[in-house]
Amino acid sequence: MGSPFLSFFVIYSLQLWWVVNGRKFSDHHITPIRLDLYRSSDNLIKDVKALVDRHPDVFTMETMRAVDNDYSAAISVITYNNPKRGLDEKLKSRILISFGQHGRELITSEVALHLLSVISKEKMLPNMDLSSLDKTLENLVIKVVPMENLNGRRLVEAGDPCERRNGRAVDLNRNWSVDWGKKEQDFDPYEENPGTAPFSEPETQIMQKLSTSFNPHIWVNVHSGMEAMFMPYDHRNATPNGSAFNAMKSILEDLNHHHCRGRCLVGSGGGSVGYLAHGTSTDYMYDALKVPMAFTFEIYGDLEAPSRDCFRMFNPINLATFNRVLNDWSAAFISLFERGPLLLDRTSDWVPIDSYKELMGRKEVKGVEMIDLGMQEIRTYFRLFLLSSVLLMFMFCSRISKSKCIPSLSSIPL
C-alpha cells in the first residue's frame, strides 16, 4: 500500500512543480534544430567570409579576440564601405548592428547573412530599387556582427536549445556598465547572470572596444522571442526626452507600419516588455557612448510554444515563415539605412565625429568643414557688427537730442 501511495505523491509533486513554473507536464516534445533551414555556427561564419571574399571592393572582415582567465572569445566583424563613391568617410553616417547575442536565437544570425547578401546585391528583396539602394549605401559605413555569442551558440548546437548565455554562463546583455548588477524581484539568476563586474566577459570587452572605436550614429541589437522594436531605456520605464525621442519614435513607427505590418511593440524596452533589464548594451550605447539612435529589434517569437521548446519559441520552424522573417527584417534594415541618417540632426544630443570642439581644436580644417565653420564665424561677427553699429547710432542720436533740449544756465531764473 505504501509504494503506490509514494508513487502517486511523487508524480503529483512533479506535476505541481511544472505548473508552478509555468510549464505543462505533458509538454514533453522539444523541437530539434531544423538543419535544413539553419546553418551551423561554423558554416554560417564560413558563408559570411565567402561573401566578403567575393566582394572585396566594398566588404572587409576582421576577427576580434579577447581572453579572461583561460576563457577566450572571438567575434567576426564585417565592414561595408564603398570607397568608389568619392565621399569622405568622415562625412558618412556610421551604423553598427549586432546579431546573435543570445545563443538560442539562431534566426538573428541568418538575418545577418541575408542582409549582407542584399547589400552585396547577391540577393534581391521584393520591390527593391537598386538605384535607390546604391544612393543610400554610398553615404554609409556599416559594421555587422553576425554572431556575437559564438561560444553560447555552440552550447545550443551541442544539445542545450534554451541556452542564452555565453560559454561561462553569463548573460551578455546584462554585462554592460549602465545600471549593472541591479536585481528586480523577478530576477532569474539562470537567465540573467550579469557576471562578476561590468565588462567581465571577453565578448562584452570586444563589443565595447568595437563600439568605442567606431563611434556609431545608429546602433541596433537584434534578438528574437517576440516582435518588437525598442528604444532606450531597458533599466527604467522611461524614454529619452525631446527631439531624440521624437526622432526614434518616428522611425520605429514607420518601420512597424511598413515592415512589421503593425504587429511589433514600439516603445522603451523597460516600459513595453513588462520587466526591467539592467546592464544592457542598448542602454550603454545611448547613455554612456552617446549614440544618437540606439535600438533593440525583436524579430520573431512564437508565443504559443511551450516554455521548454526553446528552438520553436525563438526561431521559425517552417520554410515560409523563415523566408518571411529574412525578407521583412532585411527590408526593415534597408529602410533604417535610408531614413535614419536623415533624422540624426533632430536628436538633441547628437555630436558627430567631427564635432565643433574637435574642429576648433584643429589647426587645419579642410574642404566643406572649413567652409561651414568659416561661414558660421562670419555670420556671427557680422551680426555683432550690426548690433554694435545700431547701439552706437542710438547713443549718438540720444546725445545730440539731449544737448538741444537742455537750456543754458544763464537762462534759468534765480
Protein backbone atom coordinates (compact mmCIF):
# COMPACT_ATOMS: atom_id res chain seq x y z
CA MET A 1 0.00 0.00 0.00
CA GLY A 2 2.88 2.38 0.84
CA SER A 3 4.62 2.03 -2.53
CA PRO A 4 1.64 3.05 -4.75
CA PHE A 5 0.90 5.97 -2.43
CA LEU A 6 4.54 7.11 -2.63
CA SER A 7 4.49 6.87 -6.43
CA PHE A 8 1.29 8.90 -6.59
CA PHE A 9 2.79 11.52 -4.27
CA VAL A 10 5.97 11.84 -6.36
CA ILE A 11 4.06 12.17 -9.65
CA TYR A 12 1.64 14.70 -8.17
CA SER A 13 4.53 16.74 -6.75
CA LEU A 14 6.28 16.80 -10.11
CA GLN A 15 3.12 17.89 -11.88
CA LEU A 16 2.59 20.64 -9.32
CA TRP A 17 6.21 21.79 -9.75
CA TRP A 18 5.79 22.09 -13.53
CA VAL A 19 2.54 24.04 -13.18
CA VAL A 20 4.04 26.46 -10.64
CA ASN A 21 6.94 27.09 -13.00
CA GLY A 22 4.59 27.88 -15.88
CA ARG A 23 5.07 24.58 -17.68
CA LYS A 24 2.70 21.80 -18.63
CA PHE A 25 3.83 18.39 -17.53
CA SER A 26 2.57 16.87 -20.77
CA ASP A 27 4.71 19.22 -22.90
CA HIS A 28 7.47 16.69 -23.41
CA HIS A 29 8.01 17.41 -27.10
CA ILE A 30 11.00 19.60 -27.92
CA THR A 31 11.52 20.74 -31.50
CA PRO A 32 15.02 19.93 -32.76
CA ILE A 33 17.06 22.44 -34.74
CA ARG A 34 15.98 22.42 -38.37
CA LEU A 35 19.28 21.66 -40.03
CA ASP A 36 17.66 22.10 -43.45
CA LEU A 37 16.92 25.74 -42.60
CA TYR A 38 19.68 26.79 -40.21
CA ARG A 39 23.42 26.70 -40.73
CA SER A 40 25.77 25.59 -38.00
CA SER A 41 27.75 28.40 -36.41
CA ASP A 42 30.92 27.35 -38.25
CA ASN A 43 29.15 27.14 -41.61
CA LEU A 44 27.46 30.49 -41.15
CA ILE A 45 30.75 32.25 -40.45
CA LYS A 46 32.27 30.38 -43.38
CA ASP A 47 29.47 31.57 -45.70
CA VAL A 48 29.86 35.14 -44.44
CA LYS A 49 33.59 35.03 -45.17
CA ALA A 50 32.95 33.64 -48.66
CA LEU A 51 30.52 36.51 -49.33
CA VAL A 52 33.08 39.06 -48.17
CA ASP A 53 35.76 37.45 -50.35
CA ARG A 54 33.51 37.74 -53.40
CA HIS A 55 33.12 41.50 -52.85
CA PRO A 56 36.48 42.82 -51.64
CA ASP A 57 35.74 46.23 -53.16
CA VAL A 58 33.08 47.01 -50.53
CA PHE A 59 33.48 44.42 -47.74
CA THR A 60 36.22 43.68 -45.23
CA MET A 61 36.20 41.16 -42.39
CA GLU A 62 38.20 41.01 -39.19
CA THR A 63 38.14 38.74 -36.16
CA MET A 64 38.47 40.42 -32.78
CA ARG A 65 39.61 38.31 -29.81
CA ALA A 66 39.80 38.63 -26.04
CA VAL A 67 40.79 36.30 -23.19
CA ASP A 68 39.98 36.29 -19.49
CA ASN A 69 41.22 33.55 -17.10
CA ASP A 70 41.64 30.97 -19.86
CA TYR A 71 38.19 31.77 -21.28
CA SER A 72 38.51 33.18 -24.79
CA ALA A 73 36.07 34.67 -27.27
CA ALA A 74 36.28 35.57 -30.94
CA ILE A 75 33.87 37.85 -32.80
CA SER A 76 33.78 38.36 -36.56
CA VAL A 77 33.10 41.93 -37.72
CA ILE A 78 32.13 42.74 -41.31
CA THR A 79 32.50 46.30 -42.58
CA TYR A 80 30.71 47.69 -45.61
CA ASN A 81 32.21 50.83 -47.13
CA ASN A 82 32.17 51.80 -50.77
CA PRO A 83 35.24 53.99 -51.36
CA LYS A 84 34.50 54.42 -55.08
CA ARG A 85 31.76 56.96 -54.47
CA GLY A 86 34.29 59.64 -53.60
CA LEU A 87 32.60 60.76 -50.40
CA ASP A 88 34.89 61.42 -47.43
CA GLU A 89 34.40 58.60 -44.92
CA LYS A 90 34.24 61.13 -42.09
CA LEU A 91 31.09 62.60 -43.63
CA LYS A 92 29.29 59.25 -43.78
CA SER A 93 26.82 58.01 -41.21
CA ARG A 94 28.09 55.04 -39.20
CA ILE A 95 25.80 52.12 -38.31
CA LEU A 96 26.66 49.20 -36.01
CA ILE A 97 24.42 46.11 -35.84
CA SER A 98 24.93 43.08 -33.59
CA PHE A 99 23.19 39.73 -34.09
CA GLY A 100 23.31 36.53 -32.05
CA GLN A 101 23.98 38.00 -28.61
CA HIS A 102 21.96 35.13 -27.13
CA GLY A 103 22.93 31.65 -28.26
CA ARG A 104 19.43 30.21 -28.71
CA GLU A 105 18.32 32.96 -31.13
CA LEU A 106 19.61 31.32 -34.31
CA ILE A 107 17.34 33.24 -36.66
CA THR A 108 19.10 36.52 -35.92
CA SER A 109 22.40 35.35 -37.44
CA GLU A 110 20.57 34.06 -40.51
CA VAL A 111 19.09 37.55 -40.96
CA ALA A 112 22.61 38.99 -40.66
CA LEU A 113 23.86 36.87 -43.56
CA HIS A 114 20.75 37.62 -45.62
CA LEU A 115 21.16 41.36 -45.05
CA LEU A 116 24.79 41.23 -46.15
CA SER A 117 23.71 39.32 -49.26
CA VAL A 118 21.16 42.04 -50.05
CA ILE A 119 23.74 44.80 -49.54
CA SER A 120 26.09 42.99 -51.91
CA LYS A 121 23.18 42.58 -54.38
CA GLU A 122 23.63 38.82 -54.49
CA LYS A 123 20.05 38.58 -53.25
CA MET A 124 17.10 40.78 -54.04
CA LEU A 125 14.23 41.85 -51.86
CA PRO A 126 10.71 42.16 -53.29
CA ASN A 127 10.24 45.56 -54.97
CA MET A 128 13.81 46.60 -54.23
CA ASP A 129 15.06 49.62 -56.19
CA LEU A 130 18.77 49.08 -56.90
CA SER A 131 19.47 52.70 -57.78
CA SER A 132 17.87 53.84 -54.53
CA LEU A 133 19.87 51.23 -52.60
CA ASP A 134 23.11 52.45 -54.19
CA LYS A 135 22.33 56.03 -53.27
CA THR A 136 21.57 55.05 -49.69
CA LEU A 137 24.65 52.89 -49.20
CA GLU A 138 27.11 55.40 -50.64
CA ASN A 139 26.55 57.62 -47.62
CA LEU A 140 27.10 54.90 -45.00
CA VAL A 141 29.75 52.86 -43.26
CA ILE A 142 28.08 49.75 -41.81
CA LYS A 143 29.61 47.28 -39.38
CA VAL A 144 27.79 43.96 -38.84
CA VAL A 145 28.49 41.42 -36.10
CA PRO A 146 26.77 38.25 -37.38
CA MET A 147 27.27 36.19 -34.21
CA GLU A 148 28.26 37.98 -31.02
CA ASN A 149 27.98 34.91 -28.77
CA LEU A 150 29.74 32.12 -30.65
CA ASN A 151 30.52 30.11 -27.51
CA GLY A 152 26.91 30.19 -26.35
CA ARG A 153 25.69 29.26 -29.81
CA ARG A 154 27.90 26.18 -29.76
CA LEU A 155 26.30 25.08 -26.47
CA VAL A 156 22.91 25.28 -28.18
CA GLU A 157 24.18 23.19 -31.07
CA ALA A 158 25.60 20.66 -28.59
CA GLY A 159 22.11 19.96 -27.23
CA ASP A 160 21.00 22.80 -24.95
CA PRO A 161 18.42 24.69 -27.05
CA CYS A 162 17.43 27.05 -24.20
CA GLU A 163 20.92 28.44 -23.52
CA ARG A 164 21.13 32.20 -23.96
CA ARG A 165 24.31 32.89 -22.00
CA ASN A 166 27.94 32.76 -23.09
CA GLY A 167 30.39 29.91 -22.57
CA ARG A 168 30.74 30.57 -18.85
CA ALA A 169 27.07 31.17 -18.07
CA VAL A 170 26.92 34.98 -18.20
CA ASP A 171 24.14 36.86 -19.99
CA LEU A 172 25.99 39.21 -22.33
CA ASN A 173 23.05 41.59 -22.35
CA ARG A 174 23.37 42.16 -18.61
CA ASN A 175 27.15 42.64 -18.57
CA TRP A 176 27.35 46.31 -19.63
CA SER A 177 28.01 49.14 -17.19
CA VAL A 178 24.78 51.20 -17.22
CA ASP A 179 22.85 50.21 -14.07
CA TRP A 180 24.83 46.95 -13.93
CA GLY A 181 24.02 44.30 -11.35
CA LYS A 182 20.67 45.59 -10.10
CA LYS A 183 18.24 42.74 -9.46
CA GLU A 184 14.48 43.11 -9.75
CA GLN A 185 12.04 40.98 -7.75
CA ASP A 186 11.57 38.70 -10.76
CA PHE A 187 15.34 38.35 -11.33
CA ASP A 188 16.23 34.94 -12.74
CA PRO A 189 19.85 34.09 -11.85
CA TYR A 190 19.96 31.38 -14.50
CA GLU A 191 18.73 33.56 -17.35
CA GLU A 192 20.16 36.93 -16.30
CA ASN A 193 23.54 36.29 -14.65
CA PRO A 194 25.27 39.70 -15.07
CA GLY A 195 28.81 38.41 -14.44
CA THR A 196 31.23 39.40 -11.71
CA ALA A 197 31.56 43.02 -12.87
CA PRO A 198 30.69 45.23 -15.84
CA PHE A 199 32.59 44.06 -18.92
CA SER A 200 33.84 40.96 -17.12
CA GLU A 201 33.25 38.90 -20.27
CA PRO A 202 35.59 38.81 -23.27
CA GLU A 203 32.64 39.13 -25.66
CA THR A 204 31.46 42.33 -24.00
CA GLN A 205 35.01 43.67 -23.88
CA ILE A 206 35.29 43.16 -27.63
CA MET A 207 31.97 44.85 -28.31
CA GLN A 208 32.85 47.80 -26.08
CA LYS A 209 36.16 48.24 -27.90
CA LEU A 210 34.46 47.99 -31.27
CA SER A 211 31.69 50.45 -30.45
CA THR A 212 34.05 52.96 -28.83
CA SER A 213 36.48 52.98 -31.75
CA PHE A 214 33.76 53.05 -34.41
CA ASN A 215 31.60 55.63 -32.60
CA PRO A 216 28.35 54.79 -34.42
CA HIS A 217 25.48 57.15 -35.09
CA ILE A 218 22.99 54.27 -35.09
CA TRP A 219 23.13 51.05 -33.04
CA VAL A 220 20.82 48.02 -33.34
CA ASN A 221 20.93 44.95 -31.10
CA VAL A 222 18.96 42.14 -32.77
CA HIS A 223 17.12 39.48 -30.76
CA SER A 224 14.20 37.07 -31.08
CA GLY A 225 11.49 35.91 -28.71
CA MET A 226 8.81 38.39 -29.71
CA GLU A 227 8.08 41.01 -32.37
CA ALA A 228 9.09 44.45 -31.16
CA MET A 229 11.25 47.50 -31.80
CA PHE A 230 12.55 49.20 -28.70
CA MET A 231 14.40 52.41 -27.93
CA PRO A 232 16.03 53.19 -24.56
CA TYR A 233 15.56 52.62 -21.75
CA ASP A 234 15.72 48.99 -20.64
CA HIS A 235 16.57 49.64 -17.00
CA ARG A 236 13.69 52.01 -16.27
CA ASN A 237 10.20 52.66 -17.51
CA ALA A 238 11.09 55.81 -19.44
CA THR A 239 12.13 57.03 -22.86
CA PRO A 240 14.59 59.76 -23.91
CA ASN A 241 13.27 63.30 -23.83
CA GLY A 242 12.54 65.83 -26.54
CA SER A 243 13.75 65.60 -30.10
CA ALA A 244 15.71 62.38 -29.53
CA PHE A 245 12.51 60.60 -28.52
CA ASN A 246 10.57 62.07 -31.44
CA ALA A 247 13.17 61.01 -34.00
CA MET A 248 13.47 57.44 -32.70
CA LYS A 249 9.72 57.02 -32.27
CA SER A 250 9.10 58.34 -35.78
CA ILE A 251 11.42 55.87 -37.45
CA LEU A 252 10.24 52.90 -35.37
CA GLU A 253 6.59 53.62 -36.14
CA ASP A 254 7.46 53.86 -39.82
CA LEU A 255 9.30 50.53 -39.76
CA ASN A 256 6.47 48.92 -37.81
CA HIS A 257 3.92 50.07 -40.37
CA HIS A 258 5.82 49.10 -43.49
CA HIS A 259 7.75 46.00 -42.44
CA CYS A 260 6.16 44.59 -39.29
CA ARG A 261 2.59 45.17 -40.51
CA GLY A 262 1.72 46.84 -37.22
CA ARG A 263 2.42 43.73 -35.15
CA CYS A 264 5.50 44.99 -33.37
CA LEU A 265 5.51 46.61 -29.98
CA VAL A 266 7.11 50.06 -30.16
CA GLY A 267 8.42 51.97 -27.17
CA SER A 268 11.06 51.64 -24.49
CA GLY A 269 12.25 48.18 -23.54
CA GLY A 270 11.61 48.78 -19.86
CA GLY A 271 8.13 50.14 -20.46
CA SER A 272 6.90 47.66 -23.06
CA VAL A 273 8.19 44.20 -22.16
CA GLY A 274 6.81 44.04 -18.64
CA TYR A 275 10.15 43.79 -16.82
CA LEU A 276 13.24 45.94 -16.38
CA ALA A 277 16.65 44.81 -17.65
CA HIS A 278 19.86 46.20 -16.16
CA GLY A 279 23.29 46.33 -17.76
CA THR A 280 22.10 46.11 -21.38
CA SER A 281 24.10 47.05 -24.44
CA THR A 282 21.46 49.42 -25.84
CA ASP A 283 21.31 51.48 -22.65
CA TYR A 284 25.12 51.65 -22.64
CA MET A 285 25.21 52.79 -26.25
CA TYR A 286 22.71 55.56 -25.59
CA ASP A 287 23.66 56.72 -22.09
CA ALA A 288 27.42 56.12 -21.92
CA LEU A 289 28.58 56.22 -25.53
CA LYS A 290 26.00 58.86 -26.55
CA VAL A 291 24.91 57.07 -29.71
CA PRO A 292 22.12 59.30 -31.10
CA MET A 293 19.86 56.38 -32.11
CA ALA A 294 20.04 53.12 -30.16
CA PHE A 295 17.56 50.33 -30.78
CA THR A 296 16.75 46.74 -29.86
CA PHE A 297 14.88 44.75 -32.51
CA GLU A 298 12.98 41.57 -31.59
CA ILE A 299 12.40 39.93 -34.96
CA TYR A 300 10.41 36.77 -34.22
CA GLY A 301 8.63 34.90 -31.46
CA ASP A 302 6.19 32.01 -31.15
CA LEU A 303 4.17 32.94 -28.08
CA GLU A 304 2.22 29.66 -28.24
CA ALA A 305 5.31 27.48 -27.91
CA PRO A 306 5.77 25.62 -24.60
CA SER A 307 8.44 27.25 -22.48
CA ARG A 308 10.69 24.19 -22.72
CA ASP A 309 10.53 24.20 -26.52
CA CYS A 310 13.07 26.97 -26.92
CA PHE A 311 14.01 26.36 -30.54
CA ARG A 312 10.39 26.80 -31.61
CA MET A 313 9.86 29.74 -29.25
CA PHE A 314 12.75 31.79 -30.65
CA ASN A 315 13.09 30.58 -34.24
CA PRO A 316 10.78 29.91 -37.23
CA ILE A 317 10.37 26.18 -37.84
CA ASN A 318 8.92 26.20 -41.36
CA LEU A 319 10.35 27.46 -44.63
CA ALA A 320 7.66 30.04 -45.40
CA THR A 321 7.98 31.81 -42.04
CA PHE A 322 11.77 31.53 -42.16
CA ASN A 323 11.92 33.30 -45.54
CA ARG A 324 9.36 35.90 -44.48
CA VAL A 325 11.46 36.86 -41.46
CA LEU A 326 14.62 37.10 -43.57
CA ASN A 327 12.99 39.35 -46.17
CA ASP A 328 10.87 41.50 -43.86
CA TRP A 329 13.69 42.37 -41.50
CA SER A 330 16.32 42.82 -44.19
CA ALA A 331 13.92 45.29 -45.82
CA ALA A 332 13.42 46.99 -42.45
CA PHE A 333 17.18 47.48 -42.13
CA ILE A 334 17.40 48.94 -45.63
CA SER A 335 14.66 51.41 -44.67
CA LEU A 336 16.57 52.24 -41.48
CA PHE A 337 19.70 52.87 -43.55
CA GLU A 338 17.73 55.25 -45.77
CA ARG A 339 15.75 57.18 -43.20
CA GLY A 340 17.85 57.01 -40.04
CA PRO A 341 20.64 59.37 -41.16
CA LEU A 342 18.05 61.94 -42.30
CA LEU A 343 16.69 62.14 -38.75
CA LEU A 344 20.01 62.32 -36.95
CA ASP A 345 20.00 66.13 -36.88
CA ARG A 346 16.72 66.01 -34.97
CA THR A 347 18.32 64.30 -31.98
CA SER A 348 19.19 66.98 -29.47
CA ASP A 349 22.30 65.32 -28.09
CA TRP A 350 23.88 64.23 -31.35
CA VAL A 351 27.54 65.16 -31.63
CA PRO A 352 29.06 63.94 -34.92
CA ILE A 353 32.58 62.58 -35.01
CA ASP A 354 33.90 65.92 -36.31
CA SER A 355 32.22 67.88 -33.55
CA TYR A 356 32.52 71.61 -33.06
CA LYS A 357 35.05 71.18 -30.25
CA GLU A 358 37.12 68.89 -32.42
CA LEU A 359 37.04 71.40 -35.28
CA MET A 360 38.04 74.28 -33.01
CA GLY A 361 40.97 72.25 -31.69
CA ARG A 362 42.47 71.66 -35.12
CA LYS A 363 44.99 73.95 -36.78
CA GLU A 364 43.78 72.97 -40.23
CA VAL A 365 40.29 72.09 -41.38
CA LYS A 366 39.78 71.23 -44.98
CA GLY A 367 37.07 71.28 -47.60
CA VAL A 368 33.44 71.60 -46.66
CA GLU A 369 34.17 71.56 -42.93
CA MET A 370 36.34 74.69 -43.20
CA ILE A 371 33.78 76.50 -45.33
CA ASP A 372 30.95 75.68 -42.92
CA LEU A 373 32.92 76.77 -39.87
CA GLY A 374 34.15 79.95 -41.58
CA MET A 375 30.67 80.94 -42.69
CA GLN A 376 29.34 80.41 -39.17
CA GLU A 377 32.03 82.71 -37.75
CA ILE A 378 31.48 85.38 -40.46
CA ARG A 379 27.75 85.41 -39.78
CA THR A 380 28.40 85.74 -36.05
CA TYR A 381 30.83 88.66 -36.49
CA PHE A 382 28.52 90.39 -38.96
CA ARG A 383 25.61 90.19 -36.51
CA LEU A 384 27.79 91.63 -33.74
CA PHE A 385 28.91 94.44 -36.07
CA LEU A 386 25.31 95.32 -36.94
CA LEU A 387 24.26 95.26 -33.31
CA SER A 388 27.17 97.46 -32.16
CA SER A 389 26.53 99.92 -35.03
CA VAL A 390 22.89 100.28 -34.07
CA LEU A 391 23.80 100.83 -30.42
CA LEU A 392 26.41 103.47 -31.27
CA MET A 393 23.98 105.27 -33.57
CA PHE A 394 21.33 105.23 -30.87
CA MET A 395 23.75 106.64 -28.28
CA PHE A 396 24.97 109.34 -30.70
CA CYS A 397 21.44 110.45 -31.60
CA SER A 398 20.39 110.46 -27.97
CA ARG A 399 23.32 112.68 -27.05
CA ILE A 400 22.53 115.18 -29.81
CA SER A 401 18.87 115.25 -28.87
CA LYS A 402 19.62 115.95 -25.20
CA SER A 403 22.07 118.76 -26.00
CA LYS A 404 19.39 120.62 -27.98
CA CYS A 405 16.78 120.27 -25.29
CA ILE A 406 18.80 121.28 -22.17
CA PRO A 407 18.71 125.14 -21.60
CA SER A 408 21.80 127.14 -20.67
CA LEU A 409 22.43 128.04 -17.03
CA SER A 410 22.19 131.77 -17.73
CA SER A 411 18.63 131.47 -18.83
CA ILE A 412 17.49 129.84 -15.63
CA PRO A 413 15.87 132.39 -13.30
CA LEU A 414 17.41 132.54 -9.88
